Amino acid sequence: MANYLRLLSFIRPYWRRLLAAFMCMAVFAVLSGVSLGMILPFVNVLFEEHALVEERAGVDLSTPGGRAGLGDDAPVDGQAAADGQAA
């Protein structure tokens, strides 16, 4: 323990610089966390292609065939005319 107290006596003349260094380290840590938080929305936009395609095409891709609200018996484009039914 005596060694640590002896080391503190050498640091005493530089206490202002040490305090400034600790403050700079704290600011750096906070800003690093903020920068990581700011990157997350951009990464989500990059990897959520499903939502962008859905929005641009006006199609609900969450249902099979992209036919939201239509049953499985609903005709697909051109199928009604091919079957001889009125479109």
PDB file of N, CA and C in Angstrom:
ATOM      1  N   MET A   1       0.825  -1.190   0.000  1.00  0.00           N
ATOM      2  CA  MET A   1       0.000   0.000   0.000  1.00  0.00           C
ATOM      3  C   MET A   1       0.871   1.256   0.000  1.00  0.00           C
ATOM      4  N   ALA A   2       2.015   1.137   0.612  1.00  0.00           N
ATOM      5  CA  ALA A   2       2.921   2.285   0.676  1.00  0.00           C
ATOM      6  C   ALA A   2       3.400   2.672  -0.726  1.00  0.00           C
ATOM      7  N   ASN A   3       3.554   1.670  -1.587  1.00  0.00           N
ATOM      8  CA  ASN A   3       3.994   1.960  -2.951  1.00  0.00           C
ATOM      9  C   ASN A   3       2.956   2.801  -3.704  1.00  0.00           C
ATOM     10  N   TYR A   4       1.679   2.463  -3.509  1.00  0.00           N
ATOM     11  CA  TYR A   4       0.623   3.222  -4.193  1.00  0.00           C
ATOM     12  C   TYR A   4       0.551   4.663  -3.697  1.00  0.00           C
ATOM     13  N   LEU A   5       0.699   4.854  -2.417  1.00  0.00           N
ATOM     14  CA  LEU A   5       0.709   6.220  -1.880  1.00  0.00           C
ATOM     15  C   LEU A   5       1.906   6.996  -2.408  1.00  0.00           C
ATOM     16  N   ARG A   6       3.002   6.316  -2.564  1.00  0.00           N
ATOM     17  CA  ARG A   6       4.191   6.971  -3.115  1.00  0.00           C
ATOM     18  C   ARG A   6       3.955   7.379  -4.572  1.00  0.00           C
ATOM     19  N   LEU A   7       3.272   6.513  -5.345  1.00  0.00           N
ATOM     20  CA  LEU A   7       2.939   6.848  -6.729  1.00  0.00           C
ATOM     21  C   LEU A   7       1.999   8.050  -6.798  1.00  0.00           C
ATOM     22  N   LEU A   8       1.039   8.099  -5.877  1.00  0.00           N
ATOM     23  CA  LEU A   8       0.127   9.242  -5.851  1.00  0.00           C
ATOM     24  C   LEU A   8       0.854  10.549  -5.571  1.00  0.00           C
ATOM     25  N   SER A   9       1.897  10.486  -4.827  1.00  0.00           N
ATOM     26  CA  SER A   9       2.658  11.713  -4.550  1.00  0.00           C
ATOM     27  C   SER A   9       3.345  12.233  -5.819  1.00  0.00           C
ATOM     28  N   PHE A  10       3.705  11.334  -6.732  1.00  0.00           N
ATOM     29  CA  PHE A  10       4.298  11.763  -7.998  1.00  0.00           C
ATOM     30  C   PHE A  10       3.244  12.347  -8.949  1.00  0.00           C
ATOM     31  N   ILE A  11       2.009  11.906  -8.804  1.00  0.00           N
ATOM     32  CA  ILE A  11       0.922  12.372  -9.683  1.00  0.00           C
ATOM     33  C   ILE A  11       0.378  13.726  -9.227  1.00  0.00           C
ATOM     34  N   ARG A  12       0.551  14.046  -7.984  1.00  0.00           N
ATOM     35  CA  ARG A  12      -0.041  15.265  -7.412  1.00  0.00           C
ATOM     36  C   ARG A  12       0.227  16.531  -8.231  1.00  0.00           C
ATOM     37  N   PRO A  13       1.402  16.775  -8.775  1.00  0.00           N
ATOM     38  CA  PRO A  13       1.605  17.999  -9.571  1.00  0.00           C
ATOM     39  C   PRO A  13       0.817  18.003 -10.885  1.00  0.00           C
ATOM     40  N   TYR A  14       0.391  16.839 -11.339  1.00  0.00           N
ATOM     41  CA  TYR A  14      -0.284  16.730 -12.633  1.00  0.00           C
ATOM     42  C   TYR A  14      -1.777  16.434 -12.497  1.00  0.00           C
ATOM     43  N   TRP A  15      -2.382  16.766 -11.352  1.00  0.00           N
ATOM     44  CA  TRP A  15      -3.770  16.391 -11.114  1.00  0.00           C
ATOM     45  C   TRP A  15      -4.726  17.062 -12.089  1.00  0.00           C
ATOM     46  N   ARG A  16      -4.422  18.275 -12.546  1.00  0.00           N
ATOM     47  CA  ARG A  16      -5.298  18.952 -13.509  1.00  0.00           C
ATOM     48  C   ARG A  16      -5.292  18.223 -14.854  1.00  0.00           C
ATOM     49  N   ARG A  17      -4.110  17.826 -15.289  1.00  0.00           N
ATOM     50  CA  ARG A  17      -4.021  17.087 -16.557  1.00  0.00           C
ATOM     51  C   ARG A  17      -4.722  15.739 -16.451  1.00  0.00           C
ATOM     52  N   LEU A  18      -4.585  15.089 -15.315  1.00  0.00           N
ATOM     53  CA  LEU A  18      -5.231  13.797 -15.107  1.00  0.00           C
ATOM     54  C   LEU A  18      -6.755  13.943 -15.116  1.00  0.00           C
ATOM     55  N   LEU A  19      -7.250  14.990 -14.477  1.00  0.00           N
ATOM     56  CA  LEU A  19      -8.686  15.254 -14.466  1.00  0.00           C
ATOM     57  C   LEU A  19      -9.187  15.558 -15.881  1.00  0.00           C
ATOM     58  N   ALA A  20      -8.442  16.357 -16.631  1.00  0.00           N
ATOM     59  CA  ALA A  20      -8.823  16.659 -18.012  1.00  0.00           C
ATOM     60  C   ALA A  20      -8.803  15.395 -18.865  1.00  0.00           C
ATOM     61  N   ALA A  21      -7.845  14.528 -18.654  1.00  0.00           N
ATOM     62  CA  ALA A  21      -7.773  13.279 -19.411  1.00  0.00           C
ATOM     63  C   ALA A  21      -8.971  12.389 -19.112  1.00  0.00           C
ATOM     64  N   PHE A  22      -9.367  12.296 -17.841  1.00  0.00           N
ATOM     65  CA  PHE A  22     -10.535  11.493 -17.486  1.00  0.00           C
ATOM     66  C   PHE A  22     -11.808  12.081 -18.084  1.00  0.00           C
ATOM     67  N   MET A  23     -11.910  13.394 -18.099  1.00  0.00           N
ATOM     68  CA  MET A  23     -13.091  14.025 -18.692  1.00  0.00           C
ATOM     69  C   MET A  23     -13.145  13.770 -20.196  1.00  0.00           C
ATOM     70  N   CYS A  24     -12.012  13.864 -20.876  1.00  0.00           N
ATOM     71  CA  CYS A  24     -11.966  13.582 -22.314  1.00  0.00           C
ATOM     72  C   CYS A  24     -12.317  12.128 -22.597  1.00  0.00           C
ATOM     73  N   MET A  25     -11.854  11.220 -21.761  1.00  0.00           N
ATOM     74  CA  MET A  25     -12.190   9.806 -21.946  1.00  0.00           C
ATOM     75  C   MET A  25     -13.692   9.573 -21.775  1.00  0.00           C
ATOM     76  N   ALA A  26     -14.301  10.255 -20.818  1.00  0.00           N
ATOM     77  CA  ALA A  26     -15.740  10.099 -20.600  1.00  0.00           C
ATOM     78  C   ALA A  26     -16.531  10.650 -21.787  1.00  0.00           C
ATOM     79  N   VAL A  27     -16.136  11.805 -22.310  1.00  0.00           N
ATOM     80  CA  VAL A  27     -16.815  12.387 -23.473  1.00  0.00           C
ATOM     81  C   VAL A  27     -16.658  11.464 -24.676  1.00  0.00           C
ATOM     82  N   PHE A  28     -15.478  10.908 -24.873  1.00  0.00           N
ATOM     83  CA  PHE A  28     -15.248   9.988 -25.981  1.00  0.00           C
ATOM     84  C   PHE A  28     -16.137   8.754 -25.865  1.00  0.00           C
ATOM     85  N   ALA A  29     -16.252   8.214 -24.668  1.00  0.00           N
ATOM     86  CA  ALA A  29     -17.081   7.018 -24.471  1.00  0.00           C
ATOM     87  C   ALA A  29     -18.546   7.321 -24.775  1.00  0.00           C
ATOM     88  N   VAL A  30     -19.038   8.468 -24.337  1.00  0.00           N
ATOM     89  CA  VAL A  30     -20.430   8.832 -24.595  1.00  0.00           C
ATOM     90  C   VAL A  30     -20.664   9.034 -26.086  1.00  0.00           C
ATOM     91  N   LEU A  31     -19.785   9.752 -26.747  1.00  0.00           N
ATOM     92  CA  LEU A  31     -19.952  10.013 -28.178  1.00  0.00           C
ATOM     93  C   LEU A  31     -19.794   8.745 -29.017  1.00  0.00           C
ATOM     94  N   SER A  32     -18.986   7.811 -28.584  1.00  0.00           N
ATOM     95  CA  SER A  32     -18.863   6.533 -29.291  1.00  0.00           C
ATOM     96  C   SER A  32     -20.176   5.763 -29.214  1.00  0.00           C
ATOM     97  N   GLY A  33     -20.796   5.769 -28.066  1.00  0.00           N
ATOM     98  CA  GLY A  33     -22.094   5.109 -27.924  1.00  0.00           C
ATOM     99  C   GLY A  33     -23.162   5.774 -28.766  1.00  0.00           C
ATOM    100  N   VAL A  34     -23.142   7.099 -28.837  1.00  0.00           N
ATOM    101  CA  VAL A  34     -24.114   7.832 -29.652  1.00  0.00           C
ATOM    102  C   VAL A  34     -23.908   7.523 -31.125  1.00  0.00           C
ATOM    103  N   SER A  35     -22.660   7.450 -31.569  1.00  0.00           N
ATOM    104  CA  SER A  35     -22.409   7.165 -32.989  1.00  0.00           C
ATOM    105  C   SER A  35     -22.889   5.770 -33.355  1.00  0.00           C
ATOM    106  N   LEU A  36     -22.738   4.811 -32.474  1.00  0.00           N
ATOM    107  CA  LEU A  36     -23.269   3.474 -32.746  1.00  0.00           C
ATOM    108  C   LEU A  36     -24.788   3.503 -32.825  1.00  0.00           C
ATOM    109  N   GLY A  37     -25.414   4.280 -31.980  1.00  0.00           N
ATOM    110  CA  GLY A  37     -26.870   4.402 -32.013  1.00  0.00           C
ATOM    111  C   GLY A  37     -27.368   5.083 -33.274  1.00  0.00           C
ATOM    112  N   MET A  38     -26.568   5.961 -33.851  1.00  0.00           N
ATOM    113  CA  MET A  38     -26.972   6.660 -35.074  1.00  0.00           C
ATOM    114  C   MET A  38     -26.799   5.777 -36.308  1.00  0.00           C
ATOM    115  N   ILE A  39     -25.935   4.786 -36.236  1.00  0.00           N
ATOM    116  CA  ILE A  39     -25.709   3.903 -37.377  1.00  0.00           C
ATOM    117  C   ILE A  39     -26.847   2.900 -37.526  1.00  0.00           C
ATOM    118  N   LEU A  40     -27.486   2.500 -36.451  1.00  0.00           N
ATOM    119  CA  LEU A  40     -28.515   1.466 -36.482  1.00  0.00           C
ATOM    120  C   LEU A  40     -29.659   1.759 -37.455  1.00  0.00           C
ATOM    121  N   PRO A  41     -30.241   2.957 -37.504  1.00  0.00           N
ATOM    122  CA  PRO A  41     -31.314   3.197 -38.481  1.00  0.00           C
ATOM    123  C   PRO A  41     -30.860   3.027 -39.926  1.00  0.00           C
ATOM    124  N   PHE A  42     -29.637   3.407 -40.243  1.00  0.00           N
ATOM    125  CA  PHE A  42     -29.135   3.247 -41.607  1.00  0.00           C
ATOM    126  C   PHE A  42     -28.949   1.774 -41.955  1.00  0.00           C
ATOM    127  N   VAL A  43     -28.483   0.999 -41.013  1.00  0.00           N
ATOM    128  CA  VAL A  43     -28.316  -0.432 -41.253  1.00  0.00           C
ATOM    129  C   VAL A  43     -29.677  -1.084 -41.457  1.00  0.00           C
ATOM    130  N   ASN A  44     -30.675  -0.676 -40.691  1.00  0.00           N
ATOM    131  CA  ASN A  44     -32.015  -1.222 -40.863  1.00  0.00           C
ATOM    132  C   ASN A  44     -32.558  -0.909 -42.248  1.00  0.00           C
ATOM    133  N   VAL A  45     -32.334   0.276 -42.742  1.00  0.00           N
ATOM    134  CA  VAL A  45     -32.809   0.641 -44.077  1.00  0.00           C
ATOM    135  C   VAL A  45     -32.099  -0.195 -45.131  1.00  0.00           C
ATOM    136  N   LEU A  46     -30.826  -0.445 -44.947  1.00  0.00           N
ATOM    137  CA  LEU A  46     -30.066  -1.208 -45.931  1.00  0.00           C
ATOM    138  C   LEU A  46     -30.542  -2.652 -46.037  1.00  0.00           C
ATOM    139  N   PHE A  47     -30.898  -3.251 -44.919  1.00  0.00           N
ATOM    140  CA  PHE A  47     -31.200  -4.671 -44.920  1.00  0.00           C
ATOM    141  C   PHE A  47     -32.697  -4.978 -44.891  1.00  0.00           C
ATOM    142  N   GLU A  48     -33.581  -3.995 -44.910  1.00  0.00           N
ATOM    143  CA  GLU A  48     -35.019  -4.235 -44.958  1.00  0.00           C
ATOM    144  C   GLU A  48     -35.539  -3.970 -46.357  1.00  0.00           C
ATOM    145  N   GLU A  49     -35.068  -4.727 -47.306  1.00  0.00           N
ATOM    146  CA  GLU A  49     -35.486  -4.564 -48.690  1.00  0.00           C
ATOM    147  C   GLU A  49     -36.954  -4.945 -48.854  1.00  0.00           C
ATOM    148  N   HIS A  50     -37.426  -5.863 -48.051  1.00  0.00           N
ATOM    149  CA  HIS A  50     -38.808  -6.338 -48.129  1.00  0.00           C
ATOM    150  C   HIS A  50     -39.788  -5.172 -48.004  1.00  0.00           C
ATOM    151  N   ALA A  51     -39.571  -4.300 -47.050  1.00  0.00           N
ATOM    152  CA  ALA A  51     -40.476  -3.172 -46.837  1.00  0.00           C
ATOM    153  C   ALA A  51     -40.415  -2.188 -47.997  1.00  0.00           C
ATOM    154  N   LEU A  52     -39.244  -1.960 -48.565  1.00  0.00           N
ATOM    155  CA  LEU A  52     -39.118  -1.025 -49.671  1.00  0.00           C
ATOM    156  C   LEU A  52     -39.802  -1.548 -50.927  1.00  0.00           C
ATOM    157  N   VAL A  53     -39.634  -2.815 -51.218  1.00  0.00           N
ATOM    158  CA  VAL A  53     -40.277  -3.402 -52.389  1.00  0.00           C
ATOM    159  C   VAL A  53     -41.783  -3.346 -52.228  1.00  0.00           C
ATOM    160  N   GLU A  54     -42.262  -3.651 -51.061  1.00  0.00           N
ATOM    161  CA  GLU A  54     -43.694  -3.638 -50.773  1.00  0.00           C
ATOM    162  C   GLU A  54     -44.269  -2.243 -50.987  1.00  0.00           C
ATOM    163  N   GLU A  55     -43.570  -1.243 -50.511  1.00  0.00           N
ATOM    164  CA  GLU A  55     -44.061   0.129 -50.593  1.00  0.00           C
ATOM    165  C   GLU A  55     -44.087   0.616 -52.040  1.00  0.00           C
ATOM    166  N   ARG A  56     -43.058   0.319 -52.800  1.00  0.00           N
ATOM    167  CA  ARG A  56     -42.980   0.807 -54.178  1.00  0.00           C
ATOM    168  C   ARG A  56     -43.939   0.072 -55.096  1.00  0.00           C
ATOM    169  N   ALA A  57     -44.104  -1.219 -54.916  1.00  0.00           N
ATOM    170  CA  ALA A  57     -44.939  -2.001 -55.809  1.00  0.00           C
ATOM    171  C   ALA A  57     -46.406  -1.932 -55.426  1.00  0.00           C
ATOM    172  N   GLY A  58     -46.707  -1.524 -54.217  1.00  0.00           N
ATOM    173  CA  GLY A  58     -48.088  -1.497 -53.755  1.00  0.00           C
ATOM    174  C   GLY A  58     -48.643  -2.901 -53.582  1.00  0.00           C
ATOM    175  N   VAL A  59     -47.790  -3.856 -53.298  1.00  0.00           N
ATOM    176  CA  VAL A  59     -48.188  -5.249 -53.161  1.00  0.00           C
ATOM    177  C   VAL A  59     -47.860  -5.707 -51.755  1.00  0.00           C
ATOM    178  N   ASP A  60     -48.764  -6.491 -51.176  1.00  0.00           N
ATOM    179  CA  ASP A  60     -48.514  -7.059 -49.854  1.00  0.00           C
ATOM    180  C   ASP A  60     -47.794  -8.376 -50.033  1.00  0.00           C
ATOM    181  N   LEU A  61     -46.510  -8.392 -49.738  1.00  0.00           N
ATOM    182  CA  LEU A  61     -45.709  -9.590 -49.947  1.00  0.00           C
ATOM    183  C   LEU A  61     -45.790 -10.554 -48.770  1.00  0.00           C
ATOM    184  N   SER A  62     -46.565 -10.207 -47.754  1.00  0.00           N
ATOM    185  CA  SER A  62     -46.656 -11.090 -46.603  1.00  0.00           C
ATOM    186  C   SER A  62     -47.583 -12.266 -46.875  1.00  0.00           C
ATOM    187  N   THR A  63     -48.398 -12.210 -47.932  1.00  0.00           N
ATOM    188  CA  THR A  63     -49.275 -13.324 -48.280  1.00  0.00           C
ATOM    189  C   THR A  63     -48.691 -14.064 -49.477  1.00  0.00           C
ATOM    190  N   PRO A  64     -48.957 -15.331 -49.609  1.00  0.00           N
ATOM    191  CA  PRO A  64     -48.425 -16.082 -50.758  1.00  0.00           C
ATOM    192  C   PRO A  64     -48.943 -15.499 -52.069  1.00  0.00           C
ATOM    193  N   GLY A  65     -48.073 -15.293 -52.985  1.00  0.00           N
ATOM    194  CA  GLY A  65     -48.459 -14.754 -54.280  1.00  0.00           C
ATOM    195  C   GLY A  65     -48.655 -13.258 -54.288  1.00  0.00           C
ATOM    196  N   GLY A  66     -48.547 -12.622 -53.144  1.00  0.00           N
ATOM    197  CA  GLY A  66     -48.696 -11.175 -53.068  1.00  0.00           C
ATOM    198  C   GLY A  66     -50.116 -10.696 -53.328  1.00  0.00           C
ATOM    199  N   ARG A  67     -51.105 -11.550 -53.055  1.00  0.00           N
ATOM    200  CA  ARG A  67     -52.496 -11.193 -53.316  1.00  0.00           C
ATOM    201  C   ARG A  67     -53.217 -10.998 -51.985  1.00  0.00           C
ATOM    202  N   ALA A  68     -53.027  -9.867 -51.379  1.00  0.00           N
ATOM    203  CA  ALA A  68     -53.627  -9.608 -50.076  1.00  0.00           C
ATOM    204  C   ALA A  68     -55.133  -9.506 -50.198  1.00  0.00           C
ATOM    205  N   GLY A  69     -55.839 -10.194 -49.321  1.00  0.00           N
ATOM    206  CA  GLY A  69     -57.292 -10.105 -49.275  1.00  0.00           C
ATOM    207  C   GLY A  69     -57.986 -11.004 -50.280  1.00  0.00           C
ATOM    208  N   LEU A  70     -57.262 -11.662 -51.136  1.00  0.00           N
ATOM    209  CA  LEU A  70     -57.864 -12.551 -52.124  1.00  0.00           C
ATOM    210  C   LEU A  70     -57.684 -13.990 -51.673  1.00  0.00           C
ATOM    211  N   GLY A  71     -58.687 -14.787 -51.886  1.00  0.00           N
ATOM    212  CA  GLY A  71     -58.596 -16.193 -51.507  1.00  0.00           C
ATOM    213  C   GLY A  71     -57.773 -16.966 -52.519  1.00  0.00           C
ATOM    214  N   ASP A  72     -57.535 -18.228 -52.229  1.00  0.00           N
ATOM    215  CA  ASP A  72     -56.758 -19.054 -53.147  1.00  0.00           C
ATOM    216  C   ASP A  72     -57.501 -19.312 -54.447  1.00  0.00           C
ATOM    217  N   ASP A  73     -58.834 -19.142 -54.433  1.00  0.00           N
ATOM    218  CA  ASP A  73     -59.606 -19.405 -55.632  1.00  0.00           C
ATOM    219  C   ASP A  73     -59.710 -18.177 -56.536  1.00  0.00           C
ATOM    220  N   ALA A  74     -59.148 -17.059 -56.133  1.00  0.00           N
ATOM    221  CA  ALA A  74     -59.210 -15.856 -56.954  1.00  0.00           C
ATOM    222  C   ALA A  74     -58.297 -16.017 -58.156  1.00  0.00           C
ATOM    223  N   PRO A  75     -58.749 -15.606 -59.342  1.00  0.00           N
ATOM    224  CA  PRO A  75     -57.926 -15.779 -60.539  1.00  0.00           C
ATOM    225  C   PRO A  75     -56.725 -14.841 -60.539  1.00  0.00           C
ATOM    226  N   VAL A  76     -55.652 -15.322 -61.077  1.00  0.00           N
ATOM    227  CA  VAL A  76     -54.454 -14.530 -61.255  1.00  0.00           C
ATOM    228  C   VAL A  76     -54.599 -13.835 -62.600  1.00  0.00           C
ATOM    229  N   ASP A  77     -53.893 -12.731 -62.843  1.00  0.00           N
ATOM    230  CA  ASP A  77     -53.995 -12.000 -64.095  1.00  0.00           C
ATOM    231  C   ASP A  77     -53.916 -12.923 -65.301  1.00  0.00           C
ATOM    232  N   GLY A  78     -54.904 -12.861 -66.179  1.00  0.00           N
ATOM    233  CA  GLY A  78     -54.907 -13.650 -67.393  1.00  0.00           C
ATOM    234  C   GLY A  78     -55.474 -15.052 -67.207  1.00  0.00           C
ATOM    235  N   GLN A  79     -55.612 -15.516 -65.980  1.00  0.00           N
ATOM    236  CA  GLN A  79     -56.120 -16.861 -65.749  1.00  0.00           C
ATOM    237  C   GLN A  79     -57.599 -16.938 -66.054  1.00  0.00           C
ATOM    238  N   ALA A  80     -58.351 -15.866 -65.750  1.00  0.00           N
ATOM    239  CA  ALA A  80     -59.793 -15.884 -65.976  1.00  0.00           C
ATOM    240  C   ALA A  80     -60.102 -15.993 -67.457  1.00  0.00           C
ATOM    241  N   ALA A  81     -59.384 -15.264 -68.289  1.00  0.00           N
ATOM    242  CA  ALA A  81     -59.618 -15.311 -69.734  1.00  0.00           C
ATOM    243  C   ALA A  81     -59.200 -16.650 -70.293  1.00  0.00           C
ATOM    244  N   ALA A  82     -58.168 -17.251 -69.774  1.00  0.00           N
ATOM    245  CA  ALA A  82     -57.713 -18.529 -70.255  1.00  0.00           C
ATOM    246  C   ALA A  82     -58.694 -19.638 -69.922  1.00  0.00           C
ATOM    247  N   ASP A  83     -59.411 -19.508 -68.804  1.00  0.00           N
ATOM    248  CA  ASP A  83     -60.374 -20.520 -68.385  1.00  0.00           C
ATOM    249  C   ASP A  83     -61.725 -20.314 -69.052  1.00  0.00           C
ATOM    250  N   GLY A  84     -61.889 -19.251 -69.822  1.00  0.00           N
ATOM    251  CA  GLY A  84     -63.143 -18.994 -70.474  1.00  0.00           C
ATOM    252  C   GLY A  84     -64.143 -18.235 -69.611  1.00  0.00           C
ATOM    253  N   GLN A  85     -63.686 -17.695 -68.494  1.00  0.00           N
ATOM    254  CA  GLN A  85     -64.571 -16.946 -67.622  1.00  0.00           C
ATOM    255  C   GLN A  85     -64.494 -15.468 -67.988  1.00  0.00           C
ATOM    256  N   ALA A  86     -65.537 -14.737 -67.623  1.00  0.00           N
ATOM    257  CA  ALA A  86     -65.542 -13.307 -67.882  1.00  0.00           C
ATOM    258  C   ALA A  86     -64.630 -12.612 -66.888  1.00  0.00           C
ATOM    259  N   ALA A  87     -63.888 -11.669 -67.381  1.00  0.00           N
ATOM    260  CA  ALA A  87     -62.934 -10.973 -66.526  1.00  0.00           C
ATOM    261  C   ALA A  87     -63.553  -9.811 -65.831  1.00  0.00           C
TER     262      ALA A  87
END
